[in-house]
């Protein structure tokens, strides 16, 4: 199987050397072929990173069949972002493997694990939504801002009418 390897570190003082060696060894043990090694020095909170964006572009052109990382947090830290990525991998027929966490969507167990994670994420989103709606009920300050909590003014009332009859010099 042809795979993409992705390594990421957060700061310039760090290197991806350890991740890359670990991933290359893991892939070689299985007799798979490395399409390309993608490496970023960026925070995991950023959805857009140069090498990650290149990896996604290559994935969308079906250049490999799996993405291999050391840990799940290498590709992102937001659960919602991770789930949307995993859904895109699934629609493109690309497997996802995080070797140190035994997450491997090429196996039935790995697929089950991802489905359970997805179910918990959906549950968490629903609970947050319910709590937010409950907190907003009867809150008289909703829609107001500033220190004095005055109601917002409509934009139309703030703007001056546009005059089309303007003369230069006036």
N, C-alpha and C. Protein backbone atom coordinates (compact mmCIF):
# COMPACT_ATOMS: atom_id res chain seq x y z
N UNK A 1 0.86 -1.17 0.00
CA UNK A 1 0.00 0.00 0.00
C UNK A 1 0.90 1.24 0.00
N UNK A 2 0.50 2.25 -0.74
CA UNK A 2 1.22 3.51 -0.79
C UNK A 2 0.66 4.45 0.27
N UNK A 3 1.56 5.00 1.12
CA UNK A 3 1.12 5.81 2.25
C UNK A 3 1.84 7.15 2.27
N UNK A 4 1.19 8.11 2.94
CA UNK A 4 1.79 9.41 3.22
C UNK A 4 2.15 9.43 4.69
N UNK A 5 3.32 9.96 5.00
CA UNK A 5 3.76 10.10 6.38
C UNK A 5 3.69 11.57 6.73
N UNK A 6 3.10 11.88 7.89
CA UNK A 6 3.02 13.27 8.32
C UNK A 6 3.60 13.42 9.72
N UNK A 7 4.53 14.36 9.84
CA UNK A 7 5.11 14.70 11.12
C UNK A 7 4.95 16.19 11.37
N UNK A 8 4.71 16.54 12.63
CA UNK A 8 4.54 17.96 12.96
C UNK A 8 5.10 18.22 14.34
N UNK A 9 5.80 19.35 14.43
CA UNK A 9 6.24 19.87 15.72
C UNK A 9 5.76 21.31 15.82
N UNK A 10 5.70 21.83 17.03
CA UNK A 10 5.12 23.16 17.24
C UNK A 10 6.12 24.31 17.13
N UNK A 11 7.39 24.05 17.47
CA UNK A 11 8.36 25.15 17.50
C UNK A 11 9.60 24.82 16.70
N UNK A 12 10.35 25.84 16.36
CA UNK A 12 11.58 25.68 15.60
C UNK A 12 12.69 24.99 16.38
N UNK A 13 12.59 24.94 17.71
CA UNK A 13 13.60 24.25 18.52
C UNK A 13 13.43 22.73 18.44
N UNK A 14 12.29 22.28 17.95
CA UNK A 14 12.01 20.85 17.85
C UNK A 14 12.23 20.38 16.42
N UNK A 15 12.40 19.06 16.25
CA UNK A 15 12.49 18.49 14.90
C UNK A 15 11.52 17.32 14.79
N UNK A 16 11.21 16.98 13.57
CA UNK A 16 10.33 15.84 13.31
C UNK A 16 11.13 14.56 13.08
N UNK A 17 12.44 14.61 13.30
CA UNK A 17 13.31 13.46 13.02
C UNK A 17 12.84 12.18 13.71
N UNK A 18 12.54 12.26 15.00
CA UNK A 18 12.11 11.08 15.75
C UNK A 18 10.80 10.52 15.18
N UNK A 19 9.84 11.41 14.91
CA UNK A 19 8.55 10.96 14.34
C UNK A 19 8.78 10.29 12.99
N UNK A 20 9.57 10.93 12.14
CA UNK A 20 9.80 10.42 10.79
C UNK A 20 10.46 9.04 10.82
N UNK A 21 11.46 8.87 11.69
CA UNK A 21 12.14 7.58 11.79
C UNK A 21 11.17 6.50 12.27
N UNK A 22 10.41 6.82 13.30
CA UNK A 22 9.43 5.89 13.85
C UNK A 22 8.41 5.47 12.78
N UNK A 23 7.91 6.45 12.04
CA UNK A 23 6.90 6.18 11.01
C UNK A 23 7.47 5.40 9.84
N UNK A 24 8.68 5.77 9.38
CA UNK A 24 9.31 5.04 8.28
C UNK A 24 9.56 3.59 8.66
N UNK A 25 10.04 3.35 9.88
CA UNK A 25 10.27 1.98 10.35
C UNK A 25 8.97 1.19 10.40
N UNK A 26 7.90 1.82 10.92
CA UNK A 26 6.60 1.17 11.05
C UNK A 26 6.07 0.77 9.66
N UNK A 27 6.18 1.69 8.71
CA UNK A 27 5.69 1.44 7.35
C UNK A 27 6.52 0.33 6.69
N UNK A 28 7.85 0.38 6.88
CA UNK A 28 8.74 -0.63 6.28
C UNK A 28 8.44 -2.03 6.82
N UNK A 29 8.12 -2.13 8.13
CA UNK A 29 7.78 -3.43 8.74
C UNK A 29 6.60 -4.09 8.04
N UNK A 30 5.71 -3.30 7.50
CA UNK A 30 4.53 -3.83 6.83
C UNK A 30 4.73 -4.03 5.34
N UNK A 31 5.87 -3.61 4.84
CA UNK A 31 6.15 -3.76 3.41
C UNK A 31 5.41 -2.75 2.55
N UNK A 32 4.97 -1.67 3.17
CA UNK A 32 4.27 -0.63 2.43
C UNK A 32 5.26 0.34 1.82
N UNK A 33 4.81 1.18 0.92
CA UNK A 33 5.65 2.14 0.22
C UNK A 33 5.29 3.56 0.68
N UNK A 34 6.31 4.36 0.98
CA UNK A 34 6.09 5.75 1.37
C UNK A 34 6.00 6.59 0.11
N UNK A 35 4.83 7.19 -0.10
CA UNK A 35 4.66 8.11 -1.24
C UNK A 35 5.49 9.36 -1.01
N UNK A 36 5.32 9.97 0.20
CA UNK A 36 6.03 11.20 0.52
C UNK A 36 5.97 11.42 2.03
N UNK A 37 6.99 12.08 2.55
CA UNK A 37 7.02 12.49 3.96
C UNK A 37 6.71 13.99 4.00
N UNK A 38 5.66 14.35 4.72
CA UNK A 38 5.23 15.74 4.88
C UNK A 38 5.58 16.17 6.30
N UNK A 39 6.23 17.33 6.44
CA UNK A 39 6.65 17.80 7.76
C UNK A 39 6.32 19.27 7.94
N UNK A 40 5.76 19.61 9.10
CA UNK A 40 5.43 20.99 9.43
C UNK A 40 6.04 21.38 10.76
N UNK A 41 6.39 22.66 10.87
CA UNK A 41 6.76 23.27 12.15
C UNK A 41 5.71 24.35 12.38
N UNK A 42 4.58 23.93 12.92
CA UNK A 42 3.41 24.79 13.14
C UNK A 42 2.63 24.28 14.33
N UNK A 43 1.87 25.13 14.92
CA UNK A 43 0.98 24.73 16.01
C UNK A 43 -0.11 23.82 15.47
N UNK A 44 -0.50 22.84 16.27
CA UNK A 44 -1.57 21.93 15.88
C UNK A 44 -2.94 22.59 15.89
N UNK A 45 -3.03 23.78 16.50
CA UNK A 45 -4.32 24.47 16.53
C UNK A 45 -4.63 25.12 15.19
N UNK A 46 -3.62 25.30 14.35
CA UNK A 46 -3.85 25.90 13.03
C UNK A 46 -4.37 24.85 12.08
N UNK A 47 -5.50 25.13 11.46
CA UNK A 47 -6.08 24.18 10.52
C UNK A 47 -5.28 24.15 9.22
N UNK A 48 -4.68 25.28 8.87
CA UNK A 48 -3.92 25.37 7.64
C UNK A 48 -2.43 25.43 7.96
N UNK A 49 -1.70 24.43 7.44
CA UNK A 49 -0.25 24.37 7.60
C UNK A 49 0.31 23.96 6.24
N UNK A 50 1.47 24.50 5.83
CA UNK A 50 1.96 24.27 4.46
C UNK A 50 2.04 22.80 4.04
N UNK A 51 2.75 21.97 4.79
CA UNK A 51 2.90 20.57 4.40
C UNK A 51 1.57 19.82 4.53
N UNK A 52 0.78 20.15 5.55
CA UNK A 52 -0.52 19.51 5.73
C UNK A 52 -1.44 19.83 4.55
N UNK A 53 -1.43 21.08 4.12
CA UNK A 53 -2.25 21.48 2.97
C UNK A 53 -1.82 20.73 1.71
N UNK A 54 -0.50 20.55 1.55
CA UNK A 54 0.02 19.81 0.40
C UNK A 54 -0.42 18.35 0.47
N UNK A 55 -0.36 17.76 1.68
CA UNK A 55 -0.80 16.38 1.88
C UNK A 55 -2.27 16.24 1.49
N UNK A 56 -3.11 17.17 1.95
CA UNK A 56 -4.53 17.10 1.62
C UNK A 56 -4.77 17.23 0.12
N UNK A 57 -4.01 18.10 -0.54
CA UNK A 57 -4.15 18.26 -2.00
C UNK A 57 -3.77 16.95 -2.70
N UNK A 58 -2.68 16.32 -2.27
CA UNK A 58 -2.27 15.05 -2.87
C UNK A 58 -3.30 13.95 -2.60
N UNK A 59 -3.89 13.97 -1.39
CA UNK A 59 -4.92 12.99 -1.06
C UNK A 59 -6.13 13.15 -2.00
N UNK A 60 -6.49 14.40 -2.24
CA UNK A 60 -7.65 14.67 -3.11
C UNK A 60 -7.40 14.27 -4.56
N UNK A 61 -6.12 14.07 -4.90
CA UNK A 61 -5.75 13.58 -6.23
C UNK A 61 -5.42 12.08 -6.19
N UNK A 62 -5.79 11.42 -5.09
CA UNK A 62 -5.66 9.96 -4.95
C UNK A 62 -4.23 9.47 -5.15
N UNK A 63 -3.25 10.15 -4.57
CA UNK A 63 -1.85 9.77 -4.75
C UNK A 63 -1.37 8.73 -3.75
N UNK A 64 -2.16 8.44 -2.70
CA UNK A 64 -1.81 7.43 -1.71
C UNK A 64 -3.10 6.88 -1.11
N UNK A 65 -2.96 5.76 -0.38
CA UNK A 65 -4.14 5.08 0.18
C UNK A 65 -4.26 5.22 1.70
N UNK A 66 -3.23 5.76 2.37
CA UNK A 66 -3.29 5.89 3.83
C UNK A 66 -2.42 7.04 4.29
N UNK A 67 -2.81 7.63 5.42
CA UNK A 67 -2.03 8.67 6.09
C UNK A 67 -1.58 8.08 7.42
N UNK A 68 -0.26 8.15 7.68
CA UNK A 68 0.29 7.56 8.89
C UNK A 68 0.95 8.66 9.72
N UNK A 69 0.54 8.74 10.99
CA UNK A 69 1.10 9.72 11.94
C UNK A 69 1.47 8.99 13.22
N UNK A 70 2.24 9.66 14.09
CA UNK A 70 2.57 9.03 15.37
C UNK A 70 1.39 9.08 16.32
N UNK A 71 0.74 10.25 16.42
CA UNK A 71 -0.39 10.43 17.33
C UNK A 71 -1.47 11.27 16.64
N UNK A 72 -2.67 11.11 17.10
CA UNK A 72 -3.82 11.84 16.56
C UNK A 72 -3.63 13.35 16.63
N UNK A 73 -3.00 13.84 17.69
CA UNK A 73 -2.85 15.29 17.84
C UNK A 73 -1.86 15.90 16.86
N UNK A 74 -1.18 15.10 16.07
CA UNK A 74 -0.28 15.63 15.05
C UNK A 74 -1.07 16.30 13.93
N UNK A 75 -2.29 15.81 13.67
CA UNK A 75 -3.05 16.41 12.56
C UNK A 75 -3.97 17.52 13.03
N UNK A 76 -4.30 17.58 14.31
CA UNK A 76 -5.15 18.66 14.79
C UNK A 76 -5.52 18.46 16.24
N UNK A 77 -5.97 19.54 16.86
CA UNK A 77 -6.30 19.47 18.28
C UNK A 77 -7.78 19.65 18.54
N UNK A 78 -8.51 20.15 17.56
CA UNK A 78 -9.94 20.34 17.72
C UNK A 78 -10.67 19.06 17.32
N UNK A 79 -11.51 18.57 18.19
CA UNK A 79 -12.23 17.34 17.91
C UNK A 79 -13.11 17.48 16.67
N UNK A 80 -13.77 18.61 16.54
CA UNK A 80 -14.62 18.83 15.38
C UNK A 80 -13.79 18.80 14.10
N UNK A 81 -12.63 19.44 14.12
CA UNK A 81 -11.74 19.44 12.95
C UNK A 81 -11.27 18.03 12.63
N UNK A 82 -10.88 17.28 13.65
CA UNK A 82 -10.43 15.90 13.44
C UNK A 82 -11.53 15.05 12.81
N UNK A 83 -12.74 15.21 13.31
CA UNK A 83 -13.84 14.41 12.78
C UNK A 83 -14.15 14.77 11.33
N UNK A 84 -14.06 16.05 10.99
CA UNK A 84 -14.31 16.43 9.59
C UNK A 84 -13.21 15.90 8.69
N UNK A 85 -11.96 15.90 9.18
CA UNK A 85 -10.86 15.33 8.39
C UNK A 85 -11.07 13.83 8.18
N UNK A 86 -11.40 13.13 9.26
CA UNK A 86 -11.61 11.69 9.16
C UNK A 86 -12.76 11.35 8.21
N UNK A 87 -13.78 12.19 8.20
CA UNK A 87 -14.89 11.97 7.27
C UNK A 87 -14.43 12.16 5.83
N UNK A 88 -13.58 13.18 5.60
CA UNK A 88 -13.06 13.39 4.24
C UNK A 88 -12.16 12.23 3.83
N UNK A 89 -11.33 11.74 4.76
CA UNK A 89 -10.48 10.58 4.44
C UNK A 89 -11.35 9.42 3.99
N UNK A 90 -12.43 9.20 4.73
CA UNK A 90 -13.34 8.10 4.43
C UNK A 90 -13.96 8.24 3.04
N UNK A 91 -14.41 9.45 2.70
CA UNK A 91 -15.03 9.65 1.39
C UNK A 91 -14.03 9.50 0.24
N UNK A 92 -12.75 9.77 0.52
CA UNK A 92 -11.71 9.63 -0.50
C UNK A 92 -11.12 8.22 -0.53
N UNK A 93 -11.57 7.37 0.40
CA UNK A 93 -11.05 6.00 0.45
C UNK A 93 -9.65 5.93 1.02
N UNK A 94 -9.29 6.90 1.85
CA UNK A 94 -7.95 6.95 2.46
C UNK A 94 -8.06 6.50 3.91
N UNK A 95 -7.22 5.56 4.27
CA UNK A 95 -7.18 5.06 5.64
C UNK A 95 -6.36 6.01 6.50
N UNK A 96 -6.61 5.99 7.81
CA UNK A 96 -5.87 6.83 8.74
C UNK A 96 -5.30 5.95 9.84
N UNK A 97 -4.00 6.16 10.14
CA UNK A 97 -3.33 5.34 11.15
C UNK A 97 -2.51 6.24 12.06
N UNK A 98 -2.77 6.13 13.38
CA UNK A 98 -1.96 6.80 14.40
C UNK A 98 -1.26 5.68 15.17
N UNK A 99 0.02 5.47 14.90
CA UNK A 99 0.69 4.23 15.32
C UNK A 99 0.85 4.07 16.83
N UNK A 100 1.09 5.14 17.57
CA UNK A 100 1.31 4.98 19.01
C UNK A 100 0.01 4.86 19.80
N UNK A 101 -1.13 5.14 19.15
CA UNK A 101 -2.42 5.06 19.83
C UNK A 101 -3.27 3.90 19.32
N UNK A 102 -2.69 3.10 18.44
CA UNK A 102 -3.38 1.94 17.86
C UNK A 102 -4.69 2.32 17.18
N UNK A 103 -4.70 3.47 16.54
CA UNK A 103 -5.86 3.87 15.73
C UNK A 103 -5.52 3.52 14.29
N UNK A 104 -6.28 2.59 13.73
CA UNK A 104 -5.97 2.10 12.39
C UNK A 104 -7.29 1.78 11.69
N UNK A 105 -7.70 2.66 10.78
CA UNK A 105 -8.99 2.45 10.11
C UNK A 105 -8.92 1.39 9.02
N UNK A 106 -7.75 0.72 8.87
CA UNK A 106 -7.69 -0.41 7.94
C UNK A 106 -8.23 -1.68 8.60
N UNK A 107 -8.48 -1.61 9.93
CA UNK A 107 -8.99 -2.78 10.65
C UNK A 107 -10.41 -2.51 11.15
N UNK A 108 -11.14 -3.59 11.42
CA UNK A 108 -12.50 -3.46 11.95
C UNK A 108 -12.48 -2.78 13.32
N UNK A 109 -11.49 -3.11 14.15
CA UNK A 109 -11.39 -2.51 15.48
C UNK A 109 -11.13 -1.01 15.37
N UNK A 110 -10.25 -0.63 14.47
CA UNK A 110 -9.94 0.79 14.28
C UNK A 110 -11.15 1.58 13.80
N UNK A 111 -11.91 0.97 12.89
CA UNK A 111 -13.12 1.64 12.39
C UNK A 111 -14.14 1.80 13.52
N UNK A 112 -14.29 0.76 14.35
CA UNK A 112 -15.20 0.84 15.49
C UNK A 112 -14.75 1.95 16.45
N UNK A 113 -13.47 2.00 16.72
CA UNK A 113 -12.92 3.02 17.61
C UNK A 113 -13.24 4.42 17.09
N UNK A 114 -13.10 4.65 15.80
CA UNK A 114 -13.39 5.96 15.22
C UNK A 114 -14.89 6.26 15.29
N UNK A 115 -15.72 5.25 15.10
CA UNK A 115 -17.17 5.47 15.19
C UNK A 115 -17.57 5.82 16.62
N UNK A 116 -16.96 5.18 17.59
CA UNK A 116 -17.25 5.49 18.99
C UNK A 116 -16.82 6.93 19.30
N UNK A 117 -15.63 7.30 18.83
CA UNK A 117 -15.16 8.68 19.04
C UNK A 117 -16.13 9.67 18.40
N UNK A 118 -16.61 9.35 17.22
CA UNK A 118 -17.57 10.21 16.53
C UNK A 118 -18.87 10.34 17.30
N UNK A 119 -19.33 9.24 17.87
CA UNK A 119 -20.57 9.26 18.65
C UNK A 119 -20.42 10.13 19.89
N UNK A 120 -19.28 10.00 20.58
CA UNK A 120 -19.03 10.83 21.76
C UNK A 120 -18.91 12.30 21.39
N UNK A 121 -18.30 12.58 20.25
CA UNK A 121 -18.16 13.98 19.81
C UNK A 121 -19.53 14.58 19.50
N UNK A 122 -20.39 13.79 18.84
CA UNK A 122 -21.73 14.28 18.53
C UNK A 122 -22.51 14.51 19.83
N UNK A 123 -22.40 13.59 20.78
CA UNK A 123 -23.05 13.73 22.07
C UNK A 123 -22.57 15.00 22.77
N UNK A 124 -21.26 15.23 22.76
CA UNK A 124 -20.70 16.42 23.40
C UNK A 124 -21.24 17.70 22.75
N UNK A 125 -21.30 17.74 21.42
CA UNK A 125 -21.84 18.92 20.72
C UNK A 125 -23.30 19.15 21.11
N UNK A 126 -24.09 18.08 21.18
CA UNK A 126 -25.50 18.21 21.54
C UNK A 126 -25.68 18.73 22.97
N UNK A 127 -24.88 18.23 23.90
CA UNK A 127 -24.95 18.68 25.29
C UNK A 127 -24.61 20.16 25.38
N UNK A 128 -23.56 20.58 24.69
CA UNK A 128 -23.16 22.00 24.69
C UNK A 128 -24.28 22.86 24.13
N UNK A 129 -24.90 22.40 23.05
CA UNK A 129 -26.00 23.14 22.45
C UNK A 129 -27.18 23.27 23.41
N UNK A 130 -27.53 22.18 24.07
CA UNK A 130 -28.63 22.21 25.03
C UNK A 130 -28.34 23.17 26.18
N UNK A 131 -27.13 23.12 26.70
CA UNK A 131 -26.76 24.00 27.80
C UNK A 131 -26.80 25.47 27.38
N UNK A 132 -26.33 25.74 26.18
CA UNK A 132 -26.32 27.12 25.68
C UNK A 132 -27.74 27.64 25.53
N UNK A 133 -28.61 26.83 24.93
CA UNK A 133 -30.00 27.25 24.75
C UNK A 133 -30.69 27.47 26.09
N UNK A 134 -30.42 26.59 27.06
CA UNK A 134 -31.01 26.72 28.38
C UNK A 134 -30.53 28.00 29.08
N UNK A 135 -29.25 28.30 28.93
CA UNK A 135 -28.69 29.50 29.57
C UNK A 135 -29.24 30.78 28.95
N UNK A 136 -29.58 30.74 27.67
CA UNK A 136 -30.08 31.92 26.99
C UNK A 136 -31.56 32.19 27.28
N UNK A 137 -32.29 31.15 27.71
CA UNK A 137 -33.71 31.33 28.02
C UNK A 137 -33.86 32.33 29.15
N UNK A 138 -34.66 33.33 28.94
CA UNK A 138 -34.97 34.29 29.99
C UNK A 138 -33.83 35.24 30.33
N UNK A 139 -32.74 35.17 29.60
CA UNK A 139 -31.63 36.07 29.87
C UNK A 139 -31.94 37.41 29.20
N UNK A 140 -32.22 38.42 29.99
CA UNK A 140 -32.63 39.72 29.45
C UNK A 140 -31.47 40.47 28.80
N UNK A 141 -30.27 40.02 29.03
CA UNK A 141 -29.11 40.71 28.48
C UNK A 141 -28.71 40.20 27.10
N UNK A 142 -29.38 39.16 26.61
CA UNK A 142 -29.04 38.62 25.30
C UNK A 142 -29.33 39.67 24.24
N UNK A 143 -28.41 39.83 23.33
CA UNK A 143 -28.58 40.81 22.26
C UNK A 143 -28.16 42.20 22.66
N UNK A 144 -27.56 42.34 23.82
CA UNK A 144 -27.12 43.64 24.30
C UNK A 144 -25.62 43.58 24.50
N UNK A 145 -24.98 44.75 24.42
CA UNK A 145 -23.54 44.74 24.59
C UNK A 145 -23.06 46.01 25.27
N UNK A 146 -21.80 45.99 25.62
CA UNK A 146 -21.22 47.15 26.28
C UNK A 146 -21.38 47.07 27.78
N UNK A 147 -20.71 47.99 28.47
CA UNK A 147 -20.74 47.98 29.94
C UNK A 147 -22.13 48.25 30.49
N UNK A 148 -22.90 49.11 29.80
CA UNK A 148 -24.22 49.46 30.31
C UNK A 148 -25.32 48.53 29.80
N UNK A 149 -24.98 47.57 28.95
CA UNK A 149 -25.91 46.57 28.42
C UNK A 149 -27.14 47.19 27.75
N UNK A 150 -26.90 48.28 27.02
CA UNK A 150 -27.99 48.90 26.27
C UNK A 150 -28.32 48.05 25.06
N UNK A 151 -29.59 48.05 24.63
CA UNK A 151 -29.94 47.29 23.43
C UNK A 151 -29.18 47.83 22.22
N UNK A 152 -28.88 46.93 21.31
CA UNK A 152 -28.17 47.33 20.09
C UNK A 152 -29.07 48.19 19.23
N UNK A 153 -28.46 49.15 18.56
CA UNK A 153 -29.22 49.98 17.62
C UNK A 153 -29.16 49.34 16.25
N UNK A 154 -30.19 49.56 15.50
CA UNK A 154 -30.25 49.04 14.14
C UNK A 154 -29.24 49.81 13.30
N UNK A 155 -28.59 49.13 12.38
CA UNK A 155 -27.59 49.79 11.55
C UNK A 155 -28.19 50.91 10.72
N UNK A 156 -29.39 50.70 10.22
CA UNK A 156 -30.02 51.71 9.37
C UNK A 156 -30.16 53.04 10.08
N UNK A 157 -30.37 53.01 11.38
CA UNK A 157 -30.53 54.23 12.15
C UNK A 157 -29.21 54.95 12.37
N UNK A 158 -28.11 54.27 12.21
CA UNK A 158 -26.81 54.86 12.45
C UNK A 158 -26.22 55.52 11.21
N UNK A 159 -26.65 55.08 10.05
CA UNK A 159 -26.07 55.57 8.82
C UNK A 159 -26.76 56.84 8.35
N UNK A 160 -25.97 57.69 7.72
CA UNK A 160 -26.53 58.88 7.09
C UNK A 160 -26.91 58.50 5.68
N UNK A 161 -27.99 59.09 5.17
CA UNK A 161 -28.39 58.77 3.80
C UNK A 161 -27.29 59.15 2.82
N UNK A 162 -27.11 58.33 1.81
CA UNK A 162 -26.11 58.56 0.79
C UNK A 162 -26.66 59.57 -0.21
N UNK A 163 -25.94 60.62 -0.41
CA UNK A 163 -26.38 61.64 -1.36
C UNK A 163 -25.71 61.38 -2.70
N UNK A 164 -26.51 61.23 -3.73
CA UNK A 164 -25.97 61.00 -5.06
C UNK A 164 -25.65 62.30 -5.78
N UNK A 165 -26.11 63.41 -5.25
CA UNK A 165 -25.88 64.72 -5.86
C UNK A 165 -24.69 65.42 -5.20
N UNK A 166 -23.54 64.81 -5.27
CA UNK A 166 -22.37 65.42 -4.65
C UNK A 166 -21.62 66.24 -5.69
N UNK A 167 -21.14 67.36 -5.29
CA UNK A 167 -20.34 68.20 -6.16
C UNK A 167 -18.95 68.25 -5.63
N UNK A 168 -17.99 68.30 -6.55
CA UNK A 168 -16.60 68.41 -6.11
C UNK A 168 -16.41 69.74 -5.42
N UNK A 169 -15.62 69.72 -4.38
CA UNK A 169 -15.35 70.95 -3.64
C UNK A 169 -16.35 71.23 -2.54
N UNK A 170 -17.45 70.43 -2.39
CA UNK A 170 -18.39 70.70 -1.31
C UNK A 170 -18.09 69.91 -0.11
